[in-house]
Structures are given as C-alpha cells and as structure tokens.
Amino acid sequence: MSFWQIVLVSMPRLLNGLTVTLYMTVFSAAVGLLLGIILCLGRVYGNKVASLLSTGFIELIRGTPMLVQLFILYYGLPSYNIRLTPLLAALIGFSINSAAYQAEYLRGSIQSIGIGQMKAALSIGMKKWQAVRLIILPQALRRVIPAWTNEFIYLLKYTSMAYIIGAPEMMAQAKFVASRNFEFFKVYLLTAAIYLSIVWTISFVFSYFERKLRIPGTVVTER
C-alpha cells in the first residue's frame, strides 16, 4: 500500500483516537492546574501541616514513573474492589501527575516575585491570603505560561501511554490499524506527523498568549 492509501485507510480511526487524546490532554491540564494551585499555595503559604502534606504529595508523584501510577490505578485498585475504566484511570493518573509538576512550576514563578510586594500589601492593611489572591497569584500565573507550554506538550505525548491500559486514544488506534494491514512504519509515521502538527499548534497558541499577557517591562524570549 502506498503512503496515501495508508492515510485514507487510517485517518478515520486515528482521528477518533485523536479526539480522545485531546480530551485527556485538556481535561488533565485543567484539573492539574486547579490542583496544582492548591498544592503550591499549601506548600508556600500554608501552615506546617499543609506545607508538609503538599510537599509529600508533590515529591511522591514526581518521584515515581507515570506508567507505574497508571498501573496502580488500573491494575492495583481492583484488589481493593475499586475498578476504574481505562479512560477514567488515565484521566486520574494524568491529572494528579500534571498537578504535581504544575505546582512546582507555579512555586518557582511565585518565588521569582519580589518579597517586597507582599510586604507592601501587608503594610497597607491587606490580609496575607488577600495579597496572594489579588497581587501575587495573578503575576505568577502570567510568568508560568512558558512552563505551561511544556507541560501541555508533555501531557499530549504522555497520553500515548494510556493505550497500555486499554484507553482508546490515538496510539491505541494506530496499533489497531497497523496490526490489520501490517504497515507499521507508515501508520506510525502518520501518527507521529499528527502529534507533531498538534505540538506546533500548541506552541503557537501559547506563544501568542505569552506575548499578549506578558507583564510590562519583562522580556519575552521568542521561540
């Protein structure tokens, strides 16, 4: 079969898988952001207990392979009568993994903001959490956009591991198509081209928002 014949035969299933891939990526990034903000604020501004719990969770997730986490969720939890579908196990695994990394990205962003801003806010009568919400966090969220770009791209590529536990994402569909026509090289080459086009699109979109939302006076490095 020619490459274009492979494209015609493979694209319907690959596009179905791409829909699942993008859904997992967007969902995990969004949930990871919300959890990451909570973890970061707990680690940086929380009391000792909150800081210890947040730090422990972050280090546990960052210190173990994502594939191990997926296996625990999908193959390990049934031992305790907790059974997840492949897609749900993947969503939970990717979300908590993203949360741990986004918490660290955001912590670095917060720590890059001068401590004088917090002191100034407290000196005019603001409460600590009010200053964090109105002054520190908005700046940190802007500064962390370049790291978010990498995280979103990593998540997109990491979703390919979900086929191991049976999630019907694009890599699983590519494997199915290739096993039917035995054109493994061409099918996987087409799959790689789709991933690459999505990564380029993500990079362009995030670069646009980075330029639009940059803090005046800071330098944006063009990628």
Protein backbone atom coordinates (compact mmCIF):
# COMPACT_ATOMS: atom_id res chain seq x y z
CA MET A 1 0.00 0.00 0.00
CA SER A 2 1.19 3.49 -0.80
CA PHE A 3 1.51 6.09 1.93
CA TRP A 4 -1.57 7.96 0.68
CA GLN A 5 -3.60 4.77 0.73
CA ILE A 6 -2.49 4.29 4.32
CA VAL A 7 -3.63 7.84 5.08
CA LEU A 8 -7.08 7.19 3.62
CA VAL A 9 -7.48 3.88 5.44
CA SER A 10 -6.03 5.01 8.78
CA MET A 11 -7.31 8.56 9.24
CA PRO A 12 -10.87 7.78 10.41
CA ARG A 13 -9.66 5.65 13.33
CA LEU A 14 -6.69 7.94 14.05
CA LEU A 15 -8.98 10.98 14.20
CA ASN A 16 -11.27 9.15 16.61
CA GLY A 17 -8.25 8.40 18.75
CA LEU A 18 -7.05 12.00 18.43
CA THR A 19 -10.37 13.19 19.88
CA VAL A 20 -9.76 11.04 22.96
CA THR A 21 -6.13 12.17 23.14
CA LEU A 22 -7.06 15.86 23.08
CA TYR A 23 -9.84 15.30 25.62
CA MET A 24 -7.42 13.61 28.02
CA THR A 25 -4.84 16.35 27.50
CA VAL A 26 -7.19 19.30 28.05
CA PHE A 27 -9.01 17.68 30.97
CA SER A 28 -5.80 16.64 32.74
CA ALA A 29 -4.18 20.03 32.21
CA ALA A 30 -7.23 21.89 33.56
CA VAL A 31 -7.68 19.66 36.62
CA GLY A 32 -3.92 19.65 37.12
CA LEU A 33 -3.89 23.44 37.13
CA LEU A 34 -6.59 23.68 39.80
CA LEU A 35 -4.97 21.04 41.99
CA GLY A 36 -1.53 22.49 41.30
CA ILE A 37 -2.59 25.93 42.55
CA ILE A 38 -3.92 24.38 45.75
CA LEU A 39 -0.76 22.32 46.27
CA CYS A 40 1.51 25.27 45.53
CA LEU A 41 -0.29 27.66 47.87
CA GLY A 42 -0.36 24.99 50.55
CA ARG A 43 3.38 24.45 50.19
CA VAL A 44 4.39 28.12 50.01
CA TYR A 45 1.84 29.87 52.23
CA GLY A 46 0.18 27.12 54.25
CA ASN A 47 0.88 26.13 57.84
CA LYS A 48 3.33 23.37 58.66
CA VAL A 49 0.81 20.56 58.21
CA ALA A 50 -0.46 21.88 54.87
CA SER A 51 3.07 22.51 53.66
CA LEU A 52 4.22 19.03 54.68
CA LEU A 53 1.25 17.29 53.05
CA SER A 54 1.59 19.30 49.84
CA THR A 55 5.33 18.71 49.64
CA GLY A 56 4.93 15.00 50.34
CA PHE A 57 2.30 14.57 47.62
CA ILE A 58 4.33 16.54 45.08
CA GLU A 59 7.53 14.61 45.74
CA LEU A 60 5.72 11.26 45.70
CA ILE A 61 4.14 11.90 42.31
CA ARG A 62 7.23 13.48 40.77
CA GLY A 63 9.45 10.72 42.13
CA THR A 64 7.55 7.79 40.60
CA PRO A 65 7.06 6.94 36.91
CA MET A 66 3.73 7.82 35.37
CA LEU A 67 3.40 4.31 33.98
CA VAL A 68 3.65 2.87 37.50
CA GLN A 69 0.94 5.28 38.64
CA LEU A 70 -1.33 4.17 35.80
CA PHE A 71 -0.74 0.51 36.63
CA ILE A 72 -1.57 1.13 40.29
CA LEU A 73 -4.81 2.88 39.35
CA TYR A 74 -5.95 0.37 36.76
CA TYR A 75 -4.45 -2.95 37.87
CA GLY A 76 -3.78 -2.34 41.57
CA LEU A 77 -7.01 -0.78 42.83
CA PRO A 78 -9.24 -3.74 41.82
CA SER A 79 -7.55 -5.67 44.64
CA TYR A 80 -9.45 -3.29 46.95
CA ASN A 81 -12.71 -3.55 44.96
CA ILE A 82 -12.11 -0.23 43.21
CA ARG A 83 -12.46 -0.73 39.47
CA LEU A 84 -11.86 2.10 37.03
CA THR A 85 -12.40 2.16 33.31
CA PRO A 86 -9.22 2.60 31.25
CA LEU A 87 -10.18 6.16 30.33
CA LEU A 88 -11.03 7.16 33.90
CA ALA A 89 -7.81 5.63 35.25
CA ALA A 90 -5.84 7.54 32.62
CA LEU A 91 -7.60 10.83 33.41
CA ILE A 92 -6.93 10.47 37.13
CA GLY A 93 -3.31 9.47 36.59
CA PHE A 94 -2.52 12.26 34.15
CA SER A 95 -4.34 14.86 36.28
CA ILE A 96 -2.51 14.14 39.52
CA ASN A 97 0.80 13.91 37.68
CA SER A 98 0.20 17.24 35.98
CA ALA A 99 -0.88 18.78 39.31
CA ALA A 100 2.44 17.89 40.95
CA TYR A 101 4.51 19.39 38.15
CA GLN A 102 2.31 22.47 37.73
CA ALA A 103 2.57 23.10 41.47
CA GLU A 104 6.34 23.25 41.15
CA TYR A 105 6.21 25.48 38.07
CA LEU A 106 3.92 27.85 39.92
CA ARG A 107 6.07 27.77 43.07
CA GLY A 108 9.08 28.86 41.04
CA SER A 109 7.00 31.62 39.48
CA ILE A 110 5.80 32.85 42.87
CA GLN A 111 9.31 32.84 44.29
CA SER A 112 10.51 34.96 41.35
CA ILE A 113 8.23 37.78 42.56
CA GLY A 114 9.97 40.16 44.93
CA ILE A 115 9.07 39.70 48.59
CA GLY A 116 8.66 43.46 48.79
CA GLN A 117 5.27 43.19 47.07
CA MET A 118 3.90 41.02 49.85
CA LYS A 119 5.33 43.35 52.48
CA ALA A 120 3.82 46.35 50.75
CA ALA A 121 0.42 44.67 50.59
CA LEU A 122 0.53 43.80 54.28
CA SER A 123 1.64 47.32 55.15
CA ILE A 124 -1.50 48.84 53.61
CA GLY A 125 -3.78 46.55 55.58
CA MET A 126 -4.27 43.56 53.29
CA LYS A 127 -4.53 40.09 54.76
CA LYS A 128 -1.96 37.52 53.61
CA TRP A 129 -4.40 35.48 51.52
CA GLN A 130 -5.93 38.62 50.09
CA ALA A 131 -2.50 39.73 48.92
CA VAL A 132 -1.81 36.31 47.46
CA ARG A 133 -5.10 36.27 45.56
CA LEU A 134 -5.02 39.84 44.26
CA ILE A 135 -1.31 40.58 43.82
CA ILE A 136 0.97 37.54 43.87
CA LEU A 137 -1.08 34.87 42.08
CA PRO A 138 -2.09 36.97 39.03
CA GLN A 139 1.56 37.80 38.35
CA ALA A 140 2.67 34.22 38.94
CA LEU A 141 0.08 32.85 36.52
CA ARG A 142 1.40 35.12 33.80
CA ARG A 143 5.02 34.22 34.43
CA VAL A 144 4.33 30.50 34.39
CA ILE A 145 2.92 30.42 30.83
CA PRO A 146 6.20 29.20 29.23
CA ALA A 147 6.29 26.28 31.68
CA TRP A 148 2.63 25.56 30.91
CA THR A 149 3.54 25.24 27.25
CA ASN A 150 5.97 22.45 28.04
CA GLU A 151 3.54 20.79 30.44
CA PHE A 152 0.74 20.78 27.86
CA ILE A 153 3.05 19.27 25.26
CA TYR A 154 4.34 16.66 27.71
CA LEU A 155 0.76 15.71 28.60
CA LEU A 156 -0.17 15.37 24.94
CA LYS A 157 2.70 12.95 24.39
CA TYR A 158 2.25 11.12 27.70
CA THR A 159 -1.32 10.22 26.74
CA SER A 160 0.19 7.70 24.33
CA MET A 161 1.00 5.54 27.36
CA ALA A 162 -2.71 5.16 28.08
CA TYR A 163 -3.02 2.55 25.34
CA ILE A 164 -1.16 0.13 27.63
CA ILE A 165 -4.15 0.03 29.97
CA GLY A 166 -6.66 -0.03 27.12
CA ALA A 167 -7.70 3.62 26.70
CA PRO A 168 -8.85 4.20 23.09
CA GLU A 169 -6.52 7.11 22.36
CA MET A 170 -4.62 7.73 19.12
CA MET A 171 -1.69 5.38 19.76
CA ALA A 172 -4.09 2.53 20.53
CA GLN A 173 -5.93 3.21 17.29
CA ALA A 174 -2.65 3.34 15.36
CA LYS A 175 -1.64 -0.02 16.79
CA PHE A 176 -5.01 -1.48 15.79
CA VAL A 177 -4.77 -0.18 12.21
CA ALA A 178 -1.15 -1.30 11.81
CA SER A 179 -1.95 -4.79 13.10
CA ARG A 180 -4.64 -5.11 10.43
CA ASN A 181 -2.58 -4.07 7.39
CA PHE A 182 0.95 -4.76 8.71
CA GLU A 183 2.13 -1.33 7.51
CA PHE A 184 3.62 -0.48 10.89
CA PHE A 185 6.21 2.01 9.65
CA LYS A 186 3.77 4.06 7.56
CA VAL A 187 0.98 4.04 10.15
CA TYR A 188 3.30 5.08 12.98
CA LEU A 189 4.94 7.69 10.75
CA LEU A 190 1.50 9.17 10.05
CA THR A 191 0.73 9.09 13.78
CA ALA A 192 3.98 10.90 14.56
CA ALA A 193 3.13 13.55 11.94
CA ILE A 194 -0.25 14.16 13.63
CA TYR A 195 1.39 14.51 17.04
CA LEU A 196 3.96 16.91 15.58
CA SER A 197 1.29 19.11 13.98
CA ILE A 198 -0.62 19.33 17.26
CA VAL A 199 2.56 20.21 19.18
CA TRP A 200 3.34 23.02 16.71
CA THR A 201 -0.20 24.34 17.09
CA ILE A 202 0.02 24.27 20.89
CA SER A 203 3.37 26.07 20.84
CA PHE A 204 1.98 28.78 18.55
CA VAL A 205 -1.14 29.33 20.69
CA PHE A 206 0.77 29.53 23.97
CA SER A 207 3.38 31.83 22.44
CA TYR A 208 0.57 34.15 21.36
CA PHE A 209 -0.92 34.27 24.83
CA GLU A 210 2.52 34.70 26.37
CA ARG A 211 3.09 37.83 24.29
CA LYS A 212 -0.41 39.19 24.99
CA LEU A 213 -0.30 38.59 28.73
CA ARG A 214 3.32 39.40 29.47
CA ILE A 215 3.96 41.78 32.34
CA PRO A 216 5.12 45.20 31.04
CA GLY A 217 8.83 45.64 31.46
CA THR A 218 9.68 41.94 31.21
CA VAL A 219 11.45 40.38 28.27
CA VAL A 220 9.77 37.61 26.27
CA THR A 221 12.14 35.21 24.57
CA GLU A 222 10.90 34.27 21.13
CA ARG A 223 10.80 30.54 20.46
